[in-house]
Amino acid sequence: SGASADFWARSVKNSTGTRPAIVKFYT
């Protein structure tokens, strides 16, 4: 009960665009 997830994340440059990634969690 009362579980949580701890995690590490980053972004890495991909070519010449300026578009960010959007990250969402669902259960």
PDB file of all heavy atoms in Angstrom:
ATOM      1  N   SER A   1       0.876  -1.176   0.000  1.00  0.00           N
ATOM      2  CA  SER A   1       0.000   0.000   0.000  1.00  0.00           C
ATOM      3  C   SER A   1       0.906   1.216   0.000  1.00  0.00           C
ATOM      4  O   SER A   1       2.049   1.162   0.466  1.00  0.00           O
ATOM      5  CB  SER A   1      -0.914   0.009   1.231  1.00  0.00           C
ATOM      6  OG  SER A   1      -0.150   0.150   2.407  1.00  0.00           O
ATOM      7  N   GLY A   2       0.439   2.281  -0.576  1.00  0.00           N
ATOM      8  CA  GLY A   2       1.214   3.513  -0.631  1.00  0.00           C
ATOM      9  C   GLY A   2       2.480   3.395  -1.462  1.00  0.00           C
ATOM     10  O   GLY A   2       3.485   4.018  -1.152  1.00  0.00           O
ATOM     11  N   ALA A   3       2.446   2.611  -2.538  1.00  0.00           N
ATOM     12  CA  ALA A   3       3.634   2.389  -3.369  1.00  0.00           C
ATOM     13  C   ALA A   3       3.980   3.631  -4.183  1.00  0.00           C
ATOM     14  O   ALA A   3       3.109   4.423  -4.537  1.00  0.00           O
ATOM     15  CB  ALA A   3       3.414   1.204  -4.306  1.00  0.00           C
ATOM     16  N   SER A   4       5.275   3.773  -4.453  1.00  0.00           N
ATOM     17  CA  SER A   4       5.734   4.841  -5.331  1.00  0.00           C
ATOM     18  C   SER A   4       6.888   4.316  -6.169  1.00  0.00           C
ATOM     19  O   SER A   4       7.501   3.306  -5.836  1.00  0.00           O
ATOM     20  CB  SER A   4       6.164   6.071  -4.524  1.00  0.00           C
ATOM     21  OG  SER A   4       7.322   5.795  -3.757  1.00  0.00           O
ATOM     22  N   ALA A   5       7.147   4.985  -7.277  1.00  0.00           N
ATOM     23  CA  ALA A   5       8.254   4.625  -8.170  1.00  0.00           C
ATOM     24  C   ALA A   5       9.226   5.785  -8.218  1.00  0.00           C
ATOM     25  O   ALA A   5       8.836   6.922  -8.475  1.00  0.00           O
ATOM     26  CB  ALA A   5       7.730   4.330  -9.575  1.00  0.00           C
ATOM     27  N   ASP A   6      10.470   5.509  -7.927  1.00  0.00           N
ATOM     28  CA  ASP A   6      11.541   6.487  -8.074  1.00  0.00           C
ATOM     29  C   ASP A   6      12.315   6.112  -9.323  1.00  0.00           C
ATOM     30  O   ASP A   6      12.623   4.919  -9.516  1.00  0.00           O
ATOM     31  CB  ASP A   6      12.493   6.460  -6.877  1.00  0.00           C
ATOM     32  CG  ASP A   6      11.829   6.952  -5.604  1.00  0.00           C
ATOM     33  OD1 ASP A   6      11.006   7.882  -5.678  1.00  0.00           O
ATOM     34  OD2 ASP A   6      12.137   6.400  -4.551  1.00  0.00           O
ATOM     35  N   PHE A   7      12.629   7.079 -10.169  1.00  0.00           N
ATOM     36  CA  PHE A   7      13.343   6.765 -11.397  1.00  0.00           C
ATOM     37  C   PHE A   7      14.167   7.958 -11.845  1.00  0.00           C
ATOM     38  O   PHE A   7      13.968   9.082 -11.389  1.00  0.00           O
ATOM     39  CB  PHE A   7      12.387   6.315 -12.508  1.00  0.00           C
ATOM     40  CG  PHE A   7      11.365   7.366 -12.883  1.00  0.00           C
ATOM     41  CD1 PHE A   7      11.566   8.164 -13.997  1.00  0.00           C
ATOM     42  CD2 PHE A   7      10.228   7.544 -12.129  1.00  0.00           C
ATOM     43  CE1 PHE A   7      10.639   9.139 -14.342  1.00  0.00           C
ATOM     44  CE2 PHE A   7       9.295   8.520 -12.460  1.00  0.00           C
ATOM     45  CZ  PHE A   7       9.503   9.315 -13.570  1.00  0.00           C
ATOM     46  N   TRP A   8      15.100   7.695 -12.727  1.00  0.00           N
ATOM     47  CA  TRP A   8      15.975   8.710 -13.307  1.00  0.00           C
ATOM     48  C   TRP A   8      15.634   8.842 -14.779  1.00  0.00           C
ATOM     49  O   TRP A   8      15.416   7.840 -15.465  1.00  0.00           O
ATOM     50  CB  TRP A   8      17.433   8.285 -13.172  1.00  0.00           C
ATOM     51  CG  TRP A   8      17.896   8.259 -11.754  1.00  0.00           C
ATOM     52  CD1 TRP A   8      17.806   7.212 -10.890  1.00  0.00           C
ATOM     53  CD2 TRP A   8      18.497   9.334 -11.041  1.00  0.00           C
ATOM     54  NE1 TRP A   8      18.317   7.568  -9.677  1.00  0.00           N
ATOM     55  CE2 TRP A   8      18.760   8.871  -9.741  1.00  0.00           C
ATOM     56  CE3 TRP A   8      18.849  10.630 -11.369  1.00  0.00           C
ATOM     57  CZ2 TRP A   8      19.353   9.664  -8.774  1.00  0.00           C
ATOM     58  CZ3 TRP A   8      19.453  11.421 -10.407  1.00  0.00           C
ATOM     59  CH2 TRP A   8      19.693  10.939  -9.124  1.00  0.00           C
ATOM     60  N   ALA A   9      15.612  10.057 -15.279  1.00  0.00           N
ATOM     61  CA  ALA A   9      15.319  10.284 -16.692  1.00  0.00           C
ATOM     62  C   ALA A   9      16.096  11.496 -17.191  1.00  0.00           C
ATOM     63  O   ALA A   9      16.499  12.363 -16.420  1.00  0.00           O
ATOM     64  CB  ALA A   9      13.821  10.494 -16.908  1.00  0.00           C
ATOM     65  N   ARG A  10      16.291  11.536 -18.492  1.00  0.00           N
ATOM     66  CA  ARG A  10      16.969  12.664 -19.146  1.00  0.00           C
ATOM     67  C   ARG A  10      16.525  12.718 -20.586  1.00  0.00           C
ATOM     68  O   ARG A  10      15.874  11.802 -21.090  1.00  0.00           O
ATOM     69  CB  ARG A  10      18.482  12.503 -19.067  1.00  0.00           C
ATOM     70  CG  ARG A  10      18.988  11.353 -19.942  1.00  0.00           C
ATOM     71  CD  ARG A  10      20.470  11.153 -19.910  1.00  0.00           C
ATOM     72  NE  ARG A  10      21.150  12.225 -20.630  1.00  0.00           N
ATOM     73  CZ  ARG A  10      22.405  12.160 -21.010  1.00  0.00           C
ATOM     74  NH1 ARG A  10      23.125  11.091 -20.755  1.00  0.00           N
ATOM     75  NH2 ARG A  10      22.963  13.147 -21.651  1.00  0.00           N
ATOM     76  N   SER A  11      16.878  13.782 -21.270  1.00  0.00           N
ATOM     77  CA  SER A  11      16.656  13.843 -22.708  1.00  0.00           C
ATOM     78  C   SER A  11      18.016  13.933 -23.389  1.00  0.00           C
ATOM     79  O   SER A  11      18.999  14.369 -22.799  1.00  0.00           O
ATOM     80  CB  SER A  11      15.761  15.022 -23.100  1.00  0.00           C
ATOM     81  OG  SER A  11      16.312  16.245 -22.676  1.00  0.00           O
ATOM     82  N   VAL A  12      18.040  13.495 -24.642  1.00  0.00           N
ATOM     83  CA  VAL A  12      19.265  13.496 -25.439  1.00  0.00           C
ATOM     84  C   VAL A  12      18.961  14.180 -26.759  1.00  0.00           C
ATOM     85  O   VAL A  12      17.942  13.886 -27.405  1.00  0.00           O
ATOM     86  CB  VAL A  12      19.773  12.051 -25.679  1.00  0.00           C
ATOM     87  CG1 VAL A  12      20.987  12.042 -26.597  1.00  0.00           C
ATOM     88  CG2 VAL A  12      20.104  11.382 -24.352  1.00  0.00           C
ATOM     89  N   LYS A  13      19.825  15.100 -27.164  1.00  0.00           N
ATOM     90  CA  LYS A  13      19.663  15.835 -28.435  1.00  0.00           C
ATOM     91  C   LYS A  13      19.521  14.862 -29.586  1.00  0.00           C
ATOM     92  O   LYS A  13      20.290  13.910 -29.719  1.00  0.00           O
ATOM     93  CB  LYS A  13      20.874  16.748 -28.663  1.00  0.00           C
ATOM     94  CG  LYS A  13      20.814  17.537 -29.955  1.00  0.00           C
ATOM     95  CD  LYS A  13      20.264  18.900 -29.713  1.00  0.00           C
ATOM     96  CE  LYS A  13      20.364  19.752 -30.961  1.00  0.00           C
ATOM     97  NZ  LYS A  13      19.123  20.413 -31.245  1.00  0.00           N
ATOM     98  N   ASN A  14      18.524  15.085 -30.423  1.00  0.00           N
ATOM     99  CA  ASN A  14      18.228  14.229 -31.565  1.00  0.00           C
ATOM    100  C   ASN A  14      18.103  15.111 -32.802  1.00  0.00           C
ATOM    101  O   ASN A  14      17.096  15.774 -32.993  1.00  0.00           O
ATOM    102  CB  ASN A  14      16.927  13.455 -31.311  1.00  0.00           C
ATOM    103  CG  ASN A  14      16.573  12.534 -32.448  1.00  0.00           C
ATOM    104  OD1 ASN A  14      17.405  12.169 -33.260  1.00  0.00           O
ATOM    105  ND2 ASN A  14      15.315  12.145 -32.493  1.00  0.00           N
ATOM    106  N   SER A  15      19.128  15.171 -33.597  1.00  0.00           N
ATOM    107  CA  SER A  15      19.145  15.932 -34.834  1.00  0.00           C
ATOM    108  C   SER A  15      18.987  17.432 -34.551  1.00  0.00           C
ATOM    109  O   SER A  15      19.468  17.917 -33.544  1.00  0.00           O
ATOM    110  CB  SER A  15      18.099  15.409 -35.815  1.00  0.00           C
ATOM    111  OG  SER A  15      18.341  15.912 -37.100  1.00  0.00           O
ATOM    112  N   THR A  16      18.283  18.147 -35.424  1.00  0.00           N
ATOM    113  CA  THR A  16      18.264  19.608 -35.335  1.00  0.00           C
ATOM    114  C   THR A  16      16.949  20.199 -34.857  1.00  0.00           C
ATOM    115  O   THR A  16      16.806  21.411 -34.802  1.00  0.00           O
ATOM    116  CB  THR A  16      18.593  20.217 -36.712  1.00  0.00           C
ATOM    117  OG1 THR A  16      17.593  19.772 -37.631  1.00  0.00           O
ATOM    118  CG2 THR A  16      19.967  19.816 -37.174  1.00  0.00           C
ATOM    119  N   GLY A  17      15.983  19.379 -34.530  1.00  0.00           N
ATOM    120  CA  GLY A  17      14.685  19.901 -34.125  1.00  0.00           C
ATOM    121  C   GLY A  17      14.696  20.532 -32.745  1.00  0.00           C
ATOM    122  O   GLY A  17      15.666  20.448 -31.997  1.00  0.00           O
ATOM    123  N   THR A  18      13.579  21.182 -32.420  1.00  0.00           N
ATOM    124  CA  THR A  18      13.436  21.840 -31.120  1.00  0.00           C
ATOM    125  C   THR A  18      12.271  21.251 -30.322  1.00  0.00           C
ATOM    126  O   THR A  18      11.862  21.826 -29.317  1.00  0.00           O
ATOM    127  CB  THR A  18      13.194  23.345 -31.312  1.00  0.00           C
ATOM    128  OG1 THR A  18      11.994  23.523 -32.091  1.00  0.00           O
ATOM    129  CG2 THR A  18      14.369  24.018 -31.994  1.00  0.00           C
ATOM    130  N   ARG A  19      11.750  20.129 -30.757  1.00  0.00           N
ATOM    131  CA  ARG A  19      10.528  19.580 -30.176  1.00  0.00           C
ATOM    132  C   ARG A  19      10.820  18.728 -28.930  1.00  0.00           C
ATOM    133  O   ARG A  19      11.566  17.772 -28.991  1.00  0.00           O
ATOM    134  CB  ARG A  19       9.828  18.735 -31.224  1.00  0.00           C
ATOM    135  CG  ARG A  19       8.401  18.411 -30.906  1.00  0.00           C
ATOM    136  CD  ARG A  19       7.771  17.586 -32.023  1.00  0.00           C
ATOM    137  NE  ARG A  19       7.832  18.196 -33.329  1.00  0.00           N
ATOM    138  CZ  ARG A  19       6.907  19.009 -33.832  1.00  0.00           C
ATOM    139  NH1 ARG A  19       5.859  19.318 -33.118  1.00  0.00           N
ATOM    140  NH2 ARG A  19       7.026  19.501 -35.033  1.00  0.00           N
ATOM    141  N   PRO A  20      10.201  19.063 -27.784  1.00  0.00           N
ATOM    142  CA  PRO A  20      10.379  18.234 -26.597  1.00  0.00           C
ATOM    143  C   PRO A  20       9.525  16.967 -26.652  1.00  0.00           C
ATOM    144  O   PRO A  20       8.563  16.882 -27.413  1.00  0.00           O
ATOM    145  CB  PRO A  20       9.917  19.137 -25.449  1.00  0.00           C
ATOM    146  CG  PRO A  20       9.137  20.225 -26.063  1.00  0.00           C
ATOM    147  CD  PRO A  20       9.462  20.286 -27.518  1.00  0.00           C
ATOM    148  N   ALA A  21       9.904  15.983 -25.837  1.00  0.00           N
ATOM    149  CA  ALA A  21       9.091  14.788 -25.630  1.00  0.00           C
ATOM    150  C   ALA A  21       8.210  15.031 -24.401  1.00  0.00           C
ATOM    151  O   ALA A  21       8.614  15.717 -23.464  1.00  0.00           O
ATOM    152  CB  ALA A  21       9.971  13.573 -25.408  1.00  0.00           C
ATOM    153  N   ILE A  22       7.013  14.491 -24.421  1.00  0.00           N
ATOM    154  CA  ILE A  22       6.080  14.589 -23.296  1.00  0.00           C
ATOM    155  C   ILE A  22       5.952  13.187 -22.698  1.00  0.00           C
ATOM    156  O   ILE A  22       5.641  12.230 -23.412  1.00  0.00           O
ATOM    157  CB  ILE A  22       4.692  15.098 -23.752  1.00  0.00           C
ATOM    158  CG1 ILE A  22       4.819  16.431 -24.488  1.00  0.00           C
ATOM    159  CG2 ILE A  22       3.733  15.175 -22.575  1.00  0.00           C
ATOM    160  CD1 ILE A  22       5.375  17.571 -23.674  1.00  0.00           C
ATOM    161  N   VAL A  23       6.195  13.069 -21.394  1.00  0.00           N
ATOM    162  CA  VAL A  23       6.162  11.777 -20.716  1.00  0.00           C
ATOM    163  C   VAL A  23       4.987  11.757 -19.746  1.00  0.00           C
ATOM    164  O   VAL A  23       4.846  12.644 -18.904  1.00  0.00           O
ATOM    165  CB  VAL A  23       7.480  11.521 -19.955  1.00  0.00           C
ATOM    166  CG1 VAL A  23       7.436  10.177 -19.234  1.00  0.00           C
ATOM    167  CG2 VAL A  23       8.667  11.585 -20.912  1.00  0.00           C
ATOM    168  N   LYS A  24       4.135  10.726 -19.890  1.00  0.00           N
ATOM    169  CA  LYS A  24       2.970  10.579 -19.009  1.00  0.00           C
ATOM    170  C   LYS A  24       2.921   9.154 -18.465  1.00  0.00           C
ATOM    171  O   LYS A  24       3.298   8.209 -19.155  1.00  0.00           O
ATOM    172  CB  LYS A  24       1.680  10.880 -19.772  1.00  0.00           C
ATOM    173  CG  LYS A  24       1.570  12.317 -20.226  1.00  0.00           C
ATOM    174  CD  LYS A  24       0.281  12.574 -20.977  1.00  0.00           C
ATOM    175  CE  LYS A  24       0.219  14.029 -21.436  1.00  0.00           C
ATOM    176  NZ  LYS A  24      -0.981  14.290 -22.232  1.00  0.00           N
ATOM    177  N   PHE A  25       2.457   9.034 -17.221  1.00  0.00           N
ATOM    178  CA  PHE A  25       2.255   7.736 -16.585  1.00  0.00           C
ATOM    179  C   PHE A  25       0.763   7.496 -16.403  1.00  0.00           C
ATOM    180  O   PHE A  25       0.008   8.422 -16.096  1.00  0.00           O
ATOM    181  CB  PHE A  25       2.909   7.709 -15.201  1.00  0.00           C
ATOM    182  CG  PHE A  25       4.404   7.488 -15.201  1.00  0.00           C
ATOM    183  CD1 PHE A  25       5.180   7.615 -16.333  1.00  0.00           C
ATOM    184  CD2 PHE A  25       5.040   7.156 -14.023  1.00  0.00           C
ATOM    185  CE1 PHE A  25       6.550   7.416 -16.303  1.00  0.00           C
ATOM    186  CE2 PHE A  25       6.405   6.955 -13.971  1.00  0.00           C
ATOM    187  CZ  PHE A  25       7.164   7.080 -15.115  1.00  0.00           C
ATOM    188  N   TYR A  26       0.369   6.248 -16.579  1.00  0.00           N
ATOM    189  CA  TYR A  26      -1.003   5.799 -16.350  1.00  0.00           C
ATOM    190  C   TYR A  26      -0.914   4.505 -15.539  1.00  0.00           C
ATOM    191  O   TYR A  26       0.083   3.793 -15.624  1.00  0.00           O
ATOM    192  CB  TYR A  26      -1.712   5.451 -17.663  1.00  0.00           C
ATOM    193  CG  TYR A  26      -1.780   6.545 -18.687  1.00  0.00           C
ATOM    194  CD1 TYR A  26      -0.698   6.822 -19.524  1.00  0.00           C
ATOM    195  CD2 TYR A  26      -2.943   7.284 -18.859  1.00  0.00           C
ATOM    196  CE1 TYR A  26      -0.770   7.814 -20.491  1.00  0.00           C
ATOM    197  CE2 TYR A  26      -3.025   8.278 -19.836  1.00  0.00           C
ATOM    198  CZ  TYR A  26      -1.936   8.534 -20.641  1.00  0.00           C
ATOM    199  OH  TYR A  26      -2.006   9.510 -21.604  1.00  0.00           O
ATOM    200  N   THR A  27      -1.965   4.181 -14.798  1.00  0.00           N
ATOM    201  CA  THR A  27      -2.012   2.894 -14.107  1.00  0.00           C
ATOM    202  C   THR A  27      -3.299   2.167 -14.470  1.00  0.00           C
ATOM    203  O   THR A  27      -4.301   2.780 -14.850  1.00  0.00           O
ATOM    204  CB  THR A  27      -1.949   3.059 -12.573  1.00  0.00           C
ATOM    205  OG1 THR A  27      -3.034   3.877 -12.136  1.00  0.00           O
ATOM    206  CG2 THR A  27      -0.625   3.664 -12.144  1.00  0.00           C
TER     207      THR A  27
END
